[in-house]
PDB file of N, CA and C in Angstrom:
ATOM      1  N   MET A   1     -62.815  41.961-174.107  1.00  0.00           N
ATOM      2  CA  MET A   1     -63.998  41.845-173.756  1.00  0.00           C
ATOM      3  C   MET A   1     -64.473  42.300-175.351  1.00  0.00           C
ATOM      4  N   ILE A   2     -65.323  41.538-175.762  1.00  0.00           N
ATOM      5  CA  ILE A   2     -66.179  41.659-176.588  1.00  0.00           C
ATOM      6  C   ILE A   2     -67.806  41.921-175.999  1.00  0.00           C
ATOM      7  N   ILE A   3     -68.436  42.788-176.591  1.00  0.00           N
ATOM      8  CA  ILE A   3     -69.551  43.375-176.275  1.00  0.00           C
ATOM      9  C   ILE A   3     -70.742  42.510-177.190  1.00  0.00           C
ATOM     10  N   CYS A   4     -71.994  42.072-176.671  1.00  0.00           N
ATOM     11  CA  CYS A   4     -72.586  41.113-178.274  1.00  0.00           C
ATOM     12  C   CYS A   4     -73.494  42.272-178.697  1.00  0.00           C
ATOM     13  N   THR A   5     -73.564  41.831-180.196  1.00  0.00           N
ATOM     14  CA  THR A   5     -73.948  42.675-180.879  1.00  0.00           C
ATOM     15  C   THR A   5     -75.818  43.237-180.559  1.00  0.00           C
ATOM     16  N   ARG A   6     -76.075  41.667-180.020  1.00  0.00           N
ATOM     17  CA  ARG A   6     -77.803  41.456-179.791  1.00  0.00           C
ATOM     18  C   ARG A   6     -78.509  42.202-178.673  1.00  0.00           C
ATOM     19  N   CYS A   7     -77.621  41.464-177.759  1.00  0.00           N
ATOM     20  CA  CYS A   7     -78.116  42.303-176.467  1.00  0.00           C
ATOM     21  C   CYS A   7     -77.320  43.218-175.716  1.00  0.00           C
ATOM     22  N   GLY A   8     -75.558  42.884-175.604  1.00  0.00           N
ATOM     23  CA  GLY A   8     -75.180  44.214-174.986  1.00  0.00           C
ATOM     24  C   GLY A   8     -73.950  43.265-174.202  1.00  0.00           C
ATOM     25  N   ALA A   9     -74.332  42.377-173.872  1.00  0.00           N
ATOM     26  CA  ALA A   9     -73.717  41.676-172.849  1.00  0.00           C
ATOM     27  C   ALA A   9     -72.542  41.920-173.123  1.00  0.00           C
ATOM     28  N   ALA A  10     -71.247  42.001-171.841  1.00  0.00           N
ATOM     29  CA  ALA A  10     -70.209  41.962-171.902  1.00  0.00           C
ATOM     30  C   ALA A  10     -69.665  40.144-171.518  1.00  0.00           C
ATOM     31  N   ASN A  11     -68.785  40.257-172.821  1.00  0.00           N
ATOM     32  CA  ASN A  11     -68.017  38.624-172.777  1.00  0.00           C
ATOM     33  C   ASN A  11     -66.402  38.353-172.618  1.00  0.00           C
ATOM     34  N   GLU A  12     -65.975  37.488-172.417  1.00  0.00           N
ATOM     35  CA  GLU A  12     -64.559  37.408-172.571  1.00  0.00           C
ATOM     36  C   GLU A  12     -64.043  37.149-174.051  1.00  0.00           C
ATOM     37  N   ASP A  13     -62.887  37.618-174.670  1.00  0.00           N
ATOM     38  CA  ASP A  13     -62.304  37.695-175.521  1.00  0.00           C
ATOM     39  C   ASP A  13     -62.411  36.041-175.733  1.00  0.00           C
ATOM     40  N   ASP A  14     -62.055  35.500-175.372  1.00  0.00           N
ATOM     41  CA  ASP A  14     -62.006  33.873-176.304  1.00  0.00           C
ATOM     42  C   ASP A  14     -63.586  33.033-176.590  1.00  0.00           C
ATOM     43  N   GLU A  15     -64.329  33.815-175.611  1.00  0.00           N
ATOM     44  CA  GLU A  15     -65.463  33.029-176.288  1.00  0.00           C
ATOM     45  C   GLU A  15     -66.388  33.068-177.658  1.00  0.00           C
ATOM     46  N   LEU A  16     -66.830  32.409-178.279  1.00  0.00           N
ATOM     47  CA  LEU A  16     -67.516  32.152-179.682  1.00  0.00           C
ATOM     48  C   LEU A  16     -68.914  32.629-179.627  1.00  0.00           C
ATOM     49  N   LEU A  17     -69.492  32.538-178.824  1.00  0.00           N
ATOM     50  CA  LEU A  17     -70.894  32.615-178.755  1.00  0.00           C
ATOM     51  C   LEU A  17     -71.391  33.290-176.777  1.00  0.00           C
ATOM     52  N   CYS A  18     -72.049  34.617-177.385  1.00  0.00           N
ATOM     53  CA  CYS A  18     -72.359  35.459-176.146  1.00  0.00           C
ATOM     54  C   CYS A  18     -73.133  34.177-174.968  1.00  0.00           C
ATOM     55  N   GLN A  19     -73.015  34.635-173.781  1.00  0.00           N
ATOM     56  CA  GLN A  19     -73.616  33.673-172.456  1.00  0.00           C
ATOM     57  C   GLN A  19     -75.113  34.243-171.868  1.00  0.00           C
ATOM     58  N   GLU A  20     -75.109  35.138-172.841  1.00  0.00           N
ATOM     59  CA  GLU A  20     -76.616  35.707-172.192  1.00  0.00           C
ATOM     60  C   GLU A  20     -77.596  34.719-173.454  1.00  0.00           C
ATOM     61  N   CYS A  21     -77.294  35.575-174.398  1.00  0.00           N
ATOM     62  CA  CYS A  21     -78.135  35.117-175.607  1.00  0.00           C
ATOM     63  C   CYS A  21     -77.835  34.088-176.525  1.00  0.00           C
ATOM     64  N   GLY A  22     -76.591  33.735-176.440  1.00  0.00           N
ATOM     65  CA  GLY A  22     -76.510  32.582-177.494  1.00  0.00           C
ATOM     66  C   GLY A  22     -75.603  33.140-178.893  1.00  0.00           C
ATOM     67  N   ARG A  23     -76.036  34.266-179.109  1.00  0.00           N
ATOM     68  CA  ARG A  23     -75.652  34.917-180.565  1.00  0.00           C
ATOM     69  C   ARG A  23     -74.213  34.700-181.086  1.00  0.00           C
ATOM     70  N   LYS A  24     -73.706  34.045-181.481  1.00  0.00           N
ATOM     71  CA  LYS A  24     -72.615  34.067-182.273  1.00  0.00           C
ATOM     72  C   LYS A  24     -72.069  35.709-182.137  1.00  0.00           C
ATOM     73  N   LEU A  25     -71.032  35.734-181.346  1.00  0.00           N
ATOM     74  CA  LEU A  25     -69.959  36.620-180.894  1.00  0.00           C
ATOM     75  C   LEU A  25     -69.170  37.227-182.240  1.00  0.00           C
ATOM     76  N   GLN A  26     -68.756  38.170-182.720  1.00  0.00           N
ATOM     77  CA  GLN A  26     -67.680  38.867-184.089  1.00  0.00           C
ATOM     78  C   GLN A  26     -67.296  39.538-183.383  1.00  0.00           C
ATOM     79  N   SER A  27     -66.084  39.021-183.262  1.00  0.00           N
ATOM     80  CA  SER A  27     -64.333  40.247-182.606  1.00  0.00           C
ATOM     81  C   SER A  27     -64.312  41.220-183.700  1.00  0.00           C
ATOM     82  N   GLY A  28     -63.912  42.401-183.603  1.00  0.00           N
ATOM     83  CA  GLY A  28     -63.357  43.517-183.952  1.00  0.00           C
ATOM     84  C   GLY A  28     -61.854  43.331-183.881  1.00  0.00           C
ATOM     85  N   LEU A  29     -60.951  41.931-183.613  1.00  0.00           N
ATOM     86  CA  LEU A  29     -59.923  42.171-184.060  1.00  0.00           C
ATOM     87  C   LEU A  29     -59.035  41.888-185.094  1.00  0.00           C
ATOM     88  N   HIS A  30     -59.602  40.746-185.947  1.00  0.00           N
ATOM     89  CA  HIS A  30     -59.365  40.543-187.088  1.00  0.00           C
ATOM     90  C   HIS A  30     -60.016  41.098-188.449  1.00  0.00           C
ATOM     91  N   THR A  31     -60.513  41.681-188.421  1.00  0.00           N
ATOM     92  CA  THR A  31     -61.588  42.411-189.837  1.00  0.00           C
ATOM     93  C   THR A  31     -60.721  42.558-190.530  1.00  0.00           C
ATOM     94  N   PRO A  32     -61.568  42.435-191.811  1.00  0.00           N
ATOM     95  CA  PRO A  32     -60.646  42.358-193.136  1.00  0.00           C
ATOM     96  C   PRO A  32     -60.218  43.946-193.723  1.00  0.00           C
ATOM     97  N   GLY A  33     -60.880  45.559-192.970  1.00  0.00           N
ATOM     98  CA  GLY A  33     -60.584  46.821-192.973  1.00  0.00           C
ATOM     99  C   GLY A  33     -59.462  46.897-191.845  1.00  0.00           C
ATOM    100  N   ALA A  34     -58.860  46.137-191.294  1.00  0.00           N
ATOM    101  CA  ALA A  34     -57.551  46.472-190.553  1.00  0.00           C
ATOM    102  C   ALA A  34     -56.805  47.297-191.045  1.00  0.00           C
ATOM    103  N   GLY A  35     -55.972  48.049-190.489  1.00  0.00           N
ATOM    104  CA  GLY A  35     -54.497  48.789-190.741  1.00  0.00           C
ATOM    105  C   GLY A  35     -53.358  48.157-191.088  1.00  0.00           C
ATOM    106  N   LYS A  36     -52.595  48.615-191.627  1.00  0.00           N
ATOM    107  CA  LYS A  36     -51.240  47.810-192.202  1.00  0.00           C
ATOM    108  C   LYS A  36     -50.581  47.401-190.149  1.00  0.00           C
ATOM    109  N   ASN A  37     -49.607  46.108-190.884  1.00  0.00           N
ATOM    110  CA  ASN A  37     -49.660  45.737-189.634  1.00  0.00           C
ATOM    111  C   ASN A  37     -50.156  44.998-188.142  1.00  0.00           C
ATOM    112  N   GLY A  38     -51.472  44.888-188.556  1.00  0.00           N
ATOM    113  CA  GLY A  38     -52.678  44.333-188.311  1.00  0.00           C
ATOM    114  C   GLY A  38     -53.268  44.638-186.968  1.00  0.00           C
ATOM    115  N   GLU A  39     -53.385  45.983-187.197  1.00  0.00           N
ATOM    116  CA  GLU A  39     -53.587  47.228-186.455  1.00  0.00           C
ATOM    117  C   GLU A  39     -55.314  47.307-186.153  1.00  0.00           C
ATOM    118  N   ASN A  40     -56.105  47.318-185.124  1.00  0.00           N
ATOM    119  CA  ASN A  40     -57.240  47.766-185.222  1.00  0.00           C
ATOM    120  C   ASN A  40     -58.401  48.731-185.293  1.00  0.00           C
ATOM    121  N   ARG A  41     -59.106  48.627-185.724  1.00  0.00           N
ATOM    122  CA  ARG A  41     -59.587  50.307-185.715  1.00  0.00           C
ATOM    123  C   ARG A  41     -60.589  50.662-184.274  1.00  0.00           C
ATOM    124  N   GLY A  42     -61.179  49.327-183.570  1.00  0.00           N
ATOM    125  CA  GLY A  42     -61.747  49.687-182.613  1.00  0.00           C
ATOM    126  C   GLY A  42     -62.638  48.517-182.466  1.00  0.00           C
ATOM    127  N   PRO A  43     -63.777  48.498-181.689  1.00  0.00           N
ATOM    128  CA  PRO A  43     -64.758  47.561-181.272  1.00  0.00           C
ATOM    129  C   PRO A  43     -65.763  47.667-182.334  1.00  0.00           C
ATOM    130  N   LEU A  44     -66.395  47.070-182.724  1.00  0.00           N
ATOM    131  CA  LEU A  44     -67.473  46.753-184.077  1.00  0.00           C
ATOM    132  C   LEU A  44     -68.511  47.656-183.647  1.00  0.00           C
ATOM    133  N   SER A  45     -69.450  48.664-183.855  1.00  0.00           N
ATOM    134  CA  SER A  45     -70.465  49.242-183.516  1.00  0.00           C
ATOM    135  C   SER A  45     -71.854  48.548-183.560  1.00  0.00           C
ATOM    136  N   PRO A  46     -72.775  48.441-182.500  1.00  0.00           N
ATOM    137  CA  PRO A  46     -73.646  47.592-182.526  1.00  0.00           C
ATOM    138  C   PRO A  46     -74.682  48.283-184.174  1.00  0.00           C
ATOM    139  N   MET A  47     -74.847  46.360-184.716  1.00  0.00           N
ATOM    140  CA  MET A  47     -76.452  47.121-185.625  1.00  0.00           C
ATOM    141  C   MET A  47     -76.802  47.987-185.884  1.00  0.00           C
ATOM    142  N   ARG A  48     -77.511  48.365-186.794  1.00  0.00           N
ATOM    143  CA  ARG A  48     -78.677  49.415-186.639  1.00  0.00           C
ATOM    144  C   ARG A  48     -79.932  48.720-187.240  1.00  0.00           C
ATOM    145  N   VAL A  49     -80.959  48.486-186.299  1.00  0.00           N
ATOM    146  CA  VAL A  49     -82.576  47.986-187.411  1.00  0.00           C
ATOM    147  C   VAL A  49     -83.041  49.048-188.119  1.00  0.00           C
ATOM    148  N   GLN A  50     -83.090  48.369-189.267  1.00  0.00           N
ATOM    149  CA  GLN A  50     -83.452  49.340-191.021  1.00  0.00           C
ATOM    150  C   GLN A  50     -84.561  48.975-190.525  1.00  0.00           C
ATOM    151  N   PRO A  51     -85.608  50.254-190.517  1.00  0.00           N
ATOM    152  CA  PRO A  51     -87.015  50.594-191.036  1.00  0.00           C
ATOM    153  C   PRO A  51     -87.824  49.296-191.703  1.00  0.00           C
ATOM    154  N   VAL A  52     -89.011  49.289-191.883  1.00  0.00           N
ATOM    155  CA  VAL A  52     -89.946  47.374-192.215  1.00  0.00           C
ATOM    156  C   VAL A  52     -89.689  48.676-193.649  1.00  0.00           C
ATOM    157  N   SER A  53     -89.720  47.458-194.305  1.00  0.00           N
ATOM    158  CA  SER A  53     -89.523  48.225-195.819  1.00  0.00           C
ATOM    159  C   SER A  53     -91.293  48.280-196.311  1.00  0.00           C
ATOM    160  N   ALA A  54     -91.642  49.127-197.704  1.00  0.00           N
ATOM    161  CA  ALA A  54     -92.310  48.930-198.007  1.00  0.00           C
ATOM    162  C   ALA A  54     -93.368  47.560-198.743  1.00  0.00           C
ATOM    163  N   MET A  55     -92.635  46.969-198.724  1.00  0.00           N
ATOM    164  CA  MET A  55     -93.658  45.472-199.056  1.00  0.00           C
ATOM    165  C   MET A  55     -94.005  44.514-198.100  1.00  0.00           C
ATOM    166  N   LEU A  56     -92.887  44.689-197.355  1.00  0.00           N
ATOM    167  CA  LEU A  56     -93.341  44.320-195.579  1.00  0.00           C
ATOM    168  C   LEU A  56     -94.377  44.893-194.896  1.00  0.00           C
ATOM    169  N   ARG A  57     -94.598  46.062-195.054  1.00  0.00           N
ATOM    170  CA  ARG A  57     -95.381  46.660-194.433  1.00  0.00           C
ATOM    171  C   ARG A  57     -97.202  46.295-195.402  1.00  0.00           C
ATOM    172  N   ARG A  58     -96.825  46.135-196.879  1.00  0.00           N
ATOM    173  CA  ARG A  58     -98.258  46.059-197.546  1.00  0.00           C
ATOM    174  C   ARG A  58     -98.380  44.863-197.397  1.00  0.00           C
ATOM    175  N   LEU A  59     -97.408  43.599-197.203  1.00  0.00           N
ATOM    176  CA  LEU A  59     -97.928  42.183-197.040  1.00  0.00           C
ATOM    177  C   LEU A  59     -98.893  42.475-195.488  1.00  0.00           C
ATOM    178  N   LEU A  60     -97.967  42.960-194.465  1.00  0.00           N
ATOM    179  CA  LEU A  60     -98.756  42.620-193.256  1.00  0.00           C
ATOM    180  C   LEU A  60    -100.506  43.104-192.864  1.00  0.00           C
ATOM    181  N   LEU A  61    -100.398  44.857-194.127  1.00  0.00           N
ATOM    182  CA  LEU A  61    -101.670  45.075-194.086  1.00  0.00           C
ATOM    183  C   LEU A  61    -102.526  44.501-194.984  1.00  0.00           C
ATOM    184  N   LYS A  62    -102.125  43.896-195.994  1.00  0.00           N
ATOM    185  CA  LYS A  62    -103.303  43.240-196.659  1.00  0.00           C
ATOM    186  C   LYS A  62    -103.865  41.587-195.722  1.00  0.00           C
ATOM    187  N   GLY A  63    -102.875  41.050-194.499  1.00  0.00           N
ATOM    188  CA  GLY A  63    -103.145  40.802-194.055  1.00  0.00           C
ATOM    189  C   GLY A  63    -104.407  40.403-192.861  1.00  0.00           C
ATOM    190  N   ALA A  64    -103.743  41.356-192.800  1.00  0.00           N
ATOM    191  CA  ALA A  64    -105.241  42.278-191.223  1.00  0.00           C
ATOM    192  C   ALA A  64    -106.128  42.394-192.149  1.00  0.00           C
ATOM    193  N   GLU A  65    -106.002  43.184-193.325  1.00  0.00           N
ATOM    194  CA  GLU A  65    -107.570  42.911-194.456  1.00  0.00           C
ATOM    195  C   GLU A  65    -107.902  41.375-194.102  1.00  0.00           C
ATOM    196  N   ALA A  66    -107.257  40.438-194.107  1.00  0.00           N
ATOM    197  CA  ALA A  66    -107.822  39.363-195.048  1.00  0.00           C
ATOM    198  C   ALA A  66    -108.428  38.759-193.253  1.00  0.00           C
ATOM    199  N   TRP A  67    -108.255  39.113-191.903  1.00  0.00           N
ATOM    200  CA  TRP A  67    -107.766  38.480-190.782  1.00  0.00           C
ATOM    201  C   TRP A  67    -110.155  39.995-190.756  1.00  0.00           C
ATOM    202  N   VAL A  68    -109.638  40.639-190.961  1.00  0.00           N
ATOM    203  CA  VAL A  68    -110.733  41.216-190.894  1.00  0.00           C
ATOM    204  C   VAL A  68    -111.850  40.721-191.912  1.00  0.00           C
ATOM    205  N   TYR A  69    -111.964  40.253-193.138  1.00  0.00           N
ATOM    206  CA  TYR A  69    -112.607  39.436-193.875  1.00  0.00           C
ATOM    207  C   TYR A  69    -113.351  38.287-193.162  1.00  0.00           C
ATOM    208  N   ALA A  70    -112.352  37.344-192.485  1.00  0.00           N
ATOM    209  CA  ALA A  70    -112.409  36.317-191.546  1.00  0.00           C
ATOM    210  C   ALA A  70    -113.665  36.697-190.571  1.00  0.00           C
ATOM    211  N   LEU A  71    -113.161  37.555-190.063  1.00  0.00           N
ATOM    212  CA  LEU A  71    -113.541  37.978-188.810  1.00  0.00           C
ATOM    213  C   LEU A  71    -115.374  38.277-188.994  1.00  0.00           C
ATOM    214  N   ILE A  72    -115.386  39.178-190.128  1.00  0.00           N
ATOM    215  CA  ILE A  72    -116.986  39.219-190.818  1.00  0.00           C
ATOM    216  C   ILE A  72    -117.832  38.087-191.194  1.00  0.00           C
ATOM    217  N   LEU A  73    -117.091  37.338-191.867  1.00  0.00           N
ATOM    218  CA  LEU A  73    -117.756  36.153-192.122  1.00  0.00           C
ATOM    219  C   LEU A  73    -118.047  34.984-191.106  1.00  0.00           C
ATOM    220  N   ALA A  74    -117.008  35.228-189.431  1.00  0.00           N
ATOM    221  CA  ALA A  74    -117.100  34.555-188.870  1.00  0.00           C
ATOM    222  C   ALA A  74    -118.579  35.001-187.835  1.00  0.00           C
ATOM    223  N   ALA A  75    -118.772  36.307-187.938  1.00  0.00           N
ATOM    224  CA  ALA A  75    -119.897  36.761-187.215  1.00  0.00           C
ATOM    225  C   ALA A  75    -120.965  36.535-187.974  1.00  0.00           C
ATOM    226  N   ALA A  76    -120.746  36.658-189.738  1.00  0.00           N
ATOM    227  CA  ALA A  76    -122.202  36.422-189.925  1.00  0.00           C
ATOM    228  C   ALA A  76    -122.479  34.994-189.941  1.00  0.00           C
ATOM    229  N   GLY A  77    -121.541  33.947-189.998  1.00  0.00           N
ATOM    230  CA  GLY A  77    -121.713  32.784-189.542  1.00  0.00           C
ATOM    231  C   GLY A  77    -122.640  32.779-188.032  1.00  0.00           C
ATOM    232  N   LEU A  78    -122.332  33.035-186.941  1.00  0.00           N
ATOM    233  CA  LEU A  78    -122.638  33.072-185.563  1.00  0.00           C
ATOM    234  C   LEU A  78    -124.303  33.599-185.557  1.00  0.00           C
ATOM    235  N   PHE A  79    -124.372  34.375-186.193  1.00  0.00           N
ATOM    236  CA  PHE A  79    -125.225  35.193-186.347  1.00  0.00           C
ATOM    237  C   PHE A  79    -126.685  34.167-187.009  1.00  0.00           C
ATOM    238  N   ALA A  80    -126.136  33.398-188.140  1.00  0.00           N
ATOM    239  CA  ALA A  80    -127.144  32.901-189.143  1.00  0.00           C
ATOM    240  C   ALA A  80    -127.129  31.274-188.007  1.00  0.00           C
ATOM    241  N   ALA A  81    -126.249  30.845-187.317  1.00  0.00           N
ATOM    242  CA  ALA A  81    -126.624  29.811-186.155  1.00  0.00           C
ATOM    243  C   ALA A  81    -127.380  30.524-185.121  1.00  0.00           C
ATOM    244  N   VAL A  82    -127.533  31.758-184.332  1.00  0.00           N
ATOM    245  CA  VAL A  82    -127.479  31.616-183.561  1.00  0.00           C
ATOM    246  C   VAL A  82    -129.888  31.696-184.122  1.00  0.00           C
ATOM    247  N   THR A  83    -129.612  32.618-184.769  1.00  0.00           N
ATOM    248  CA  THR A  83    -130.919  32.877-185.202  1.00  0.00           C
ATOM    249  C   THR A  83    -131.772  31.502-186.025  1.00  0.00           C
ATOM    250  N   GLY A  84    -130.735  31.214-186.777  1.00  0.00           N
ATOM    251  CA  GLY A  84    -131.444  30.240-187.818  1.00  0.00           C
ATOM    252  C   GLY A  84    -131.737  30.379-188.892  1.00  0.00           C
ATOM    253  N   GLU A  85    -131.187  31.365-189.509  1.00  0.00           N
ATOM    254  CA  GLU A  85    -132.079  32.586-191.194  1.00  0.00           C
ATOM    255  C   GLU A  85    -130.376  32.164-191.540  1.00  0.00           C
ATOM    256  N   TRP A  86    -130.710  31.029-192.121  1.00  0.00           N
ATOM    257  CA  TRP A  86    -129.029  30.945-193.291  1.00  0.00           C
ATOM    258  C   TRP A  86    -129.387  31.439-194.703  1.00  0.00           C
ATOM    259  N   ARG A  87    -130.595  32.031-194.808  1.00  0.00           N
ATOM    260  CA  ARG A  87    -130.015  32.512-196.128  1.00  0.00           C
ATOM    261  C   ARG A  87    -129.680  33.556-195.991  1.00  0.00           C
ATOM    262  N   ALA A  88    -129.744  34.312-195.682  1.00  0.00           N
ATOM    263  CA  ALA A  88    -128.531  35.553-195.173  1.00  0.00           C
ATOM    264  C   ALA A  88    -126.886  35.256-195.192  1.00  0.00           C
ATOM    265  N   LEU A  89    -126.585  34.062-194.766  1.00  0.00           N
ATOM    266  CA  LEU A  89    -125.025  34.177-195.069  1.00  0.00           C
ATOM    267  C   LEU A  89    -124.627  33.435-196.402  1.00  0.00           C
ATOM    268  N   ALA A  90    -125.214  33.267-197.207  1.00  0.00           N
ATOM    269  CA  ALA A  90    -125.245  33.158-198.741  1.00  0.00           C
ATOM    270  C   ALA A  90    -124.508  34.720-198.742  1.00  0.00           C
ATOM    271  N   PRO A  91    -125.077  36.026-199.568  1.00  0.00           N
ATOM    272  CA  PRO A  91    -124.946  36.165-199.899  1.00  0.00           C
ATOM    273  C   PRO A  91    -123.682  36.978-199.187  1.00  0.00           C
ATOM    274  N   ALA A  92    -123.713  37.173-197.842  1.00  0.00           N
ATOM    275  CA  ALA A  92    -122.490  37.845-196.737  1.00  0.00           C
ATOM    276  C   ALA A  92    -121.418  37.173-197.670  1.00  0.00           C
ATOM    277  N   VAL A  93    -121.111  36.221-197.498  1.00  0.00           N
ATOM    278  CA  VAL A  93    -120.066  35.141-198.046  1.00  0.00           C
ATOM    279  C   VAL A  93    -119.878  35.886-199.976  1.00  0.00           C
ATOM    280  N   ALA A  94    -120.637  35.903-200.152  1.00  0.00           N
ATOM    281  CA  ALA A  94    -120.451  36.160-201.762  1.00  0.00           C
ATOM    282  C   ALA A  94    -119.927  38.001-201.835  1.00  0.00           C
ATOM    283  N   LEU A  95    -120.398  38.407-200.998  1.00  0.00           N
ATOM    284  CA  LEU A  95    -119.929  39.728-200.826  1.00  0.00           C
ATOM    285  C   LEU A  95    -118.612  40.229-200.699  1.00  0.00           C
ATOM    286  N   ILE A  96    -118.551  39.383-199.074  1.00  0.00           N
ATOM    287  CA  ILE A  96    -116.802  39.492-198.994  1.00  0.00           C
ATOM    288  C   ILE A  96    -116.056  38.699-199.991  1.00  0.00           C
ATOM    289  N   GLY A  97    -116.427  37.840-200.484  1.00  0.00           N
ATOM    290  CA  GLY A  97    -115.681  37.037-201.609  1.00  0.00           C
ATOM    291  C   GLY A  97    -114.853  38.040-202.499  1.00  0.00           C
ATOM    292  N   LEU A  98    -116.041  38.306-202.903  1.00  0.00           N
ATOM    293  CA  LEU A  98    -116.011  39.670-203.998  1.00  0.00           C
ATOM    294  C   LEU A  98    -115.570  40.597-203.834  1.00  0.00           C
ATOM    295  N   VAL A  99    -115.341  41.146-202.560  1.00  0.00           N
ATOM    296  CA  VAL A  99    -114.258  42.479-202.162  1.00  0.00           C
ATOM    297  C   VAL A  99    -113.339  42.500-201.886  1.00  0.00           C
ATOM    298  N   ALA A 100    -112.771  40.962-201.378  1.00  0.00           N
ATOM    299  CA  ALA A 100    -111.545  40.201-201.113  1.00  0.00           C
ATOM    300  C   ALA A 100    -110.799  40.016-202.527  1.00  0.00           C
ATOM    301  N   TRP A 101    -111.205  39.344-203.801  1.00  0.00           N
ATOM    302  CA  TRP A 101    -111.229  39.435-204.681  1.00  0.00           C
ATOM    303  C   TRP A 101    -110.665  40.558-205.615  1.00  0.00           C
ATOM    304  N   THR A 102    -111.473  41.418-205.587  1.00  0.00           N
ATOM    305  CA  THR A 102    -111.129  42.553-206.355  1.00  0.00           C
ATOM    306  C   THR A 102    -110.211  43.356-205.602  1.00  0.00           C
ATOM    307  N   ARG A 103    -109.999  43.608-204.166  1.00  0.00           N
ATOM    308  CA  ARG A 103    -109.047  43.826-203.316  1.00  0.00           C
ATOM    309  C   ARG A 103    -107.996  42.912-203.680  1.00  0.00           C
ATOM    310  N   LYS A 104    -107.599  41.615-204.269  1.00  0.00           N
ATOM    311  CA  LYS A 104    -106.589  41.101-204.093  1.00  0.00           C
ATOM    312  C   LYS A 104    -105.146  40.521-202.937  1.00  0.00           C
ATOM    313  N   VAL A 105    -107.062  40.327-202.298  1.00  0.00           N
ATOM    314  CA  VAL A 105    -105.705  40.261-200.682  1.00  0.00           C
ATOM    315  C   VAL A 105    -106.082  38.515-201.135  1.00  0.00           C
TER     316      VAL A 105
END
């Protein structure tokens, strides 16, 4: 039996793909680290998920910040459309653009 490293489903030894999720199965029978005479060290252990890197986290936060700015601008545009007072929209666009530019969003 080969255990899928993604979903944990048990598959037959001659299967190439997991029957549950379709991921390519990795057999522990012919691993490069096998001992002398082809003896096996045992089944493969499941892969551990690495924590989110600092760069990815920073990128996600910058994206969230950009969406906040876009929502503020949308709210200002909606207010201007409802009230008919378009003069308030220009300073809002300029201010949000300046903040986004200085924060390098």
